[in-house]
C-alpha atoms as a PDB file:
ATOM      1  CA  MET A   1      -4.669   1.214  23.409  1.00  0.00           C
ATOM      2  CA  ASP A   2      -2.594  -1.650  22.282  1.00  0.00           C
ATOM      3  CA  LYS A   3       0.096  -1.157  19.345  1.00  0.00           C
ATOM      4  CA  GLU A   4      -2.430  -2.779  17.014  1.00  0.00           C
ATOM      5  CA  GLN A   5      -4.975  -0.726  18.082  1.00  0.00           C
ATOM      6  CA  MET A   6      -2.997   2.444  17.611  1.00  0.00           C
ATOM      7  CA  ALA A   7      -1.683   1.540  14.376  1.00  0.00           C
ATOM      8  CA  ILE A   8      -5.387   1.480  12.968  1.00  0.00           C
ATOM      9  CA  ALA A   9      -6.147   4.572  14.708  1.00  0.00           C
ATOM     10  CA  ARG A  10      -3.398   6.129  12.676  1.00  0.00           C
ATOM     11  CA  LEU A  11      -4.209   4.440   9.328  1.00  0.00           C
ATOM     12  CA  GLN A  12      -8.179   5.322   9.722  1.00  0.00           C
ATOM     13  CA  ASP A  13      -6.684   9.357  10.775  1.00  0.00           C
ATOM     14  CA  ALA A  14      -4.180   8.975   7.345  1.00  0.00           C
ATOM     15  CA  ALA A  15      -7.345   7.830   5.052  1.00  0.00           C
ATOM     16  CA  ARG A  16      -9.416  10.626   6.285  1.00  0.00           C
ATOM     17  CA  LEU A  17      -7.018  13.114   5.516  1.00  0.00           C
ATOM     18  CA  SER A  18      -5.923  11.716   2.189  1.00  0.00           C
ATOM     19  CA  GLU A  19     -10.081  11.306   1.421  1.00  0.00           C
ATOM     20  CA  HIS A  20     -10.712  15.029   2.749  1.00  0.00           C
ATOM     21  CA  ARG A  21      -7.503  16.652   0.902  1.00  0.00           C
ATOM     22  CA  TYR A  22      -6.763  14.552  -2.106  1.00  0.00           C
ATOM     23  CA  LYS A  23     -10.302  13.370  -2.458  1.00  0.00           C
ATOM     24  CA  LYS A  24      -8.359   9.848  -3.102  1.00  0.00           C
ATOM     25  CA  PRO A  25      -7.732   6.513  -1.274  1.00  0.00           C
ATOM     26  CA  LEU A  26      -4.959   6.379   1.072  1.00  0.00           C
ATOM     27  CA  MET A  27      -1.894   4.653  -1.147  1.00  0.00           C
ATOM     28  CA  VAL A  28       0.257   1.856   0.822  1.00  0.00           C
ATOM     29  CA  THR A  29       3.725   0.969  -0.530  1.00  0.00           C
ATOM     30  CA  TYR A  30       4.582  -2.849  -0.808  1.00  0.00           C
ATOM     31  CA  SER A  31       7.724  -4.573  -1.053  1.00  0.00           C
ATOM     32  CA  GLY A  32       6.334  -8.079  -0.668  1.00  0.00           C
ATOM     33  CA  GLY A  33       8.360  -8.169   2.670  1.00  0.00           C
ATOM     34  CA  LYS A  34       6.336  -9.245   6.160  1.00  0.00           C
ATOM     35  CA  ASP A  35       6.501  -5.384   6.824  1.00  0.00           C
ATOM     36  CA  SER A  36       4.401  -4.738   3.994  1.00  0.00           C
ATOM     37  CA  GLN A  37       2.174  -7.624   4.627  1.00  0.00           C
ATOM     38  CA  VAL A  38       0.984  -6.462   8.264  1.00  0.00           C
ATOM     39  CA  LEU A  39       0.464  -3.138   6.961  1.00  0.00           C
ATOM     40  CA  VAL A  40      -2.112  -4.460   4.654  1.00  0.00           C
ATOM     41  CA  ALA A  41      -3.577  -6.376   7.106  1.00  0.00           C
ATOM     42  CA  LEU A  42      -3.982  -3.502   9.277  1.00  0.00           C
ATOM     43  CA  ALA A  43      -5.155  -1.701   6.470  1.00  0.00           C
ATOM     44  CA  GLU A  44      -7.733  -4.265   5.691  1.00  0.00           C
ATOM     45  CA  ARG A  45      -8.757  -4.521   9.580  1.00  0.00           C
ATOM     46  CA  ALA A  46      -8.973  -0.760   9.974  1.00  0.00           C
ATOM     47  CA  GLY A  47     -12.115  -0.848   7.342  1.00  0.00           C
ATOM     48  CA  ILE A  48     -10.505   2.176   5.090  1.00  0.00           C
ATOM     49  CA  ASN A  49     -10.183   2.997   1.225  1.00  0.00           C
ATOM     50  CA  PHE A  50      -6.782   2.223   0.141  1.00  0.00           C
ATOM     51  CA  GLU A  51      -4.943   1.198  -2.795  1.00  0.00           C
ATOM     52  CA  VAL A  52      -1.461  -1.018  -2.818  1.00  0.00           C
ATOM     53  CA  VAL A  53       1.331   0.125  -5.163  1.00  0.00           C
ATOM     54  CA  ASN A  54       4.768  -2.039  -5.658  1.00  0.00           C
ATOM     55  CA  SER A  55       7.630  -0.203  -7.343  1.00  0.00           C
ATOM     56  CA  HIS A  56       9.579  -3.483  -9.467  1.00  0.00           C
ATOM     57  CA  THR A  57      13.195  -3.161  -9.698  1.00  0.00           C
ATOM     58  CA  THR A  58      15.884  -5.125 -11.699  1.00  0.00           C
ATOM     59  CA  ALA A  59      17.013  -5.836  -7.994  1.00  0.00           C
ATOM     60  CA  ASP A  60      13.973  -7.805  -6.825  1.00  0.00           C
ATOM     61  CA  ALA A  61      14.748 -11.460  -6.404  1.00  0.00           C
ATOM     62  CA  PRO A  62      12.323 -13.535  -8.939  1.00  0.00           C
ATOM     63  CA  GLU A  63      10.769 -15.471  -5.738  1.00  0.00           C
ATOM     64  CA  THR A  64       9.782 -11.713  -4.745  1.00  0.00           C
ATOM     65  CA  VAL A  65       8.588 -10.724  -8.137  1.00  0.00           C
ATOM     66  CA  TYR A  66       6.215 -14.010  -8.082  1.00  0.00           C
ATOM     67  CA  PHE A  67       4.808 -13.387  -4.671  1.00  0.00           C
ATOM     68  CA  ILE A  68       4.079  -9.913  -5.101  1.00  0.00           C
ATOM     69  CA  ARG A  69       2.029 -10.899  -8.298  1.00  0.00           C
ATOM     70  CA  GLU A  70       0.312 -13.520  -6.041  1.00  0.00           C
ATOM     71  CA  GLN A  71      -0.516 -11.205  -3.270  1.00  0.00           C
ATOM     72  CA  PHE A  72      -1.794  -8.452  -6.150  1.00  0.00           C
ATOM     73  CA  LYS A  73      -4.307 -10.880  -7.340  1.00  0.00           C
ATOM     74  CA  ALA A  74      -5.350 -12.150  -3.779  1.00  0.00           C
ATOM     75  CA  MET A  75      -5.718  -8.388  -3.314  1.00  0.00           C
ATOM     76  CA  GLU A  76      -7.741  -7.780  -5.977  1.00  0.00           C
ATOM     77  CA  GLU A  77      -9.983 -10.673  -5.302  1.00  0.00           C
ATOM     78  CA  ARG A  78     -11.027  -8.570  -2.292  1.00  0.00           C
ATOM     79  CA  GLU A  79     -11.397  -5.671  -4.336  1.00  0.00           C
ATOM     80  CA  ILE A  80      -8.199  -3.682  -3.436  1.00  0.00           C
ATOM     81  CA  LYS A  81      -6.801  -2.131  -5.915  1.00  0.00           C
ATOM     82  CA  SER A  82      -3.263  -2.930  -6.928  1.00  0.00           C
ATOM     83  CA  CYS A  83      -0.929  -1.908  -9.104  1.00  0.00           C
ATOM     84  CA  SER A  84       3.410  -2.501  -9.847  1.00  0.00           C
ATOM     85  CA  THR A  85       5.328   0.488 -11.432  1.00  0.00           C
ATOM     86  CA  ARG A  86       8.797  -0.621 -13.520  1.00  0.00           C
ATOM     87  CA  SER A  87      11.031   1.834 -11.727  1.00  0.00           C
ATOM     88  CA  ARG A  88      11.590   4.488  -9.165  1.00  0.00           C
ATOM     89  CA  GLN A  89      10.783   7.215 -11.678  1.00  0.00           C
ATOM     90  CA  SER A  90       7.776   5.642 -12.637  1.00  0.00           C
ATOM     91  CA  ALA A  91       6.554   5.191  -8.998  1.00  0.00           C
ATOM     92  CA  LYS A  92       6.899   8.706  -8.729  1.00  0.00           C
ATOM     93  CA  LEU A  93       4.997   9.599 -11.278  1.00  0.00           C
ATOM     94  CA  SER A  94       2.047   7.405 -10.666  1.00  0.00           C
ATOM     95  CA  CYS A  95       1.831   8.346  -7.034  1.00  0.00           C
ATOM     96  CA  ALA A  96       2.118  12.030  -7.937  1.00  0.00           C
ATOM     97  CA  SER A  97      -0.854  11.099 -10.565  1.00  0.00           C
ATOM     98  CA  PHE A  98      -2.864   9.729  -7.270  1.00  0.00           C
ATOM     99  CA  ARG A  99      -1.949  13.058  -5.485  1.00  0.00           C
ATOM    100  CA  SER A 100      -2.221  11.081  -2.324  1.00  0.00           C
ATOM    101  CA  PRO A 101      -0.380  10.455   0.594  1.00  0.00           C
ATOM    102  CA  VAL A 102       1.569   7.256   0.427  1.00  0.00           C
ATOM    103  CA  LEU A 103       2.160   5.130   3.333  1.00  0.00           C
ATOM    104  CA  ARG A 104       5.442   3.214   3.689  1.00  0.00           C
ATOM    105  CA  PRO A 105       6.430   0.782   6.334  1.00  0.00           C
ATOM    106  CA  VAL A 106       8.612   2.045   8.837  1.00  0.00           C
ATOM    107  CA  LEU A 107      10.768   0.451  11.279  1.00  0.00           C
END
């Protein structure tokens, strides 16, 4: 099994766990970087039910914020639910309210 197929299998396992344990789709965190882009693309290829969340901070460059907005609009056109929160605390509250595992890109 190549690395892409292994990543897809792991996403499918995580999505099944989220649906079974929490009755919610898997949440994928999104920074607007290349790792986040790859993770969303892999989740789409995996054919899983997932949502994307971004924690907007004041440290984000304006270009990054615009890029994330554009990507979220494109995701919503592909019927992928996405949301952005304003701070780390609101992101934690938002994620807690979803009560589903959060998948973060790990290098």
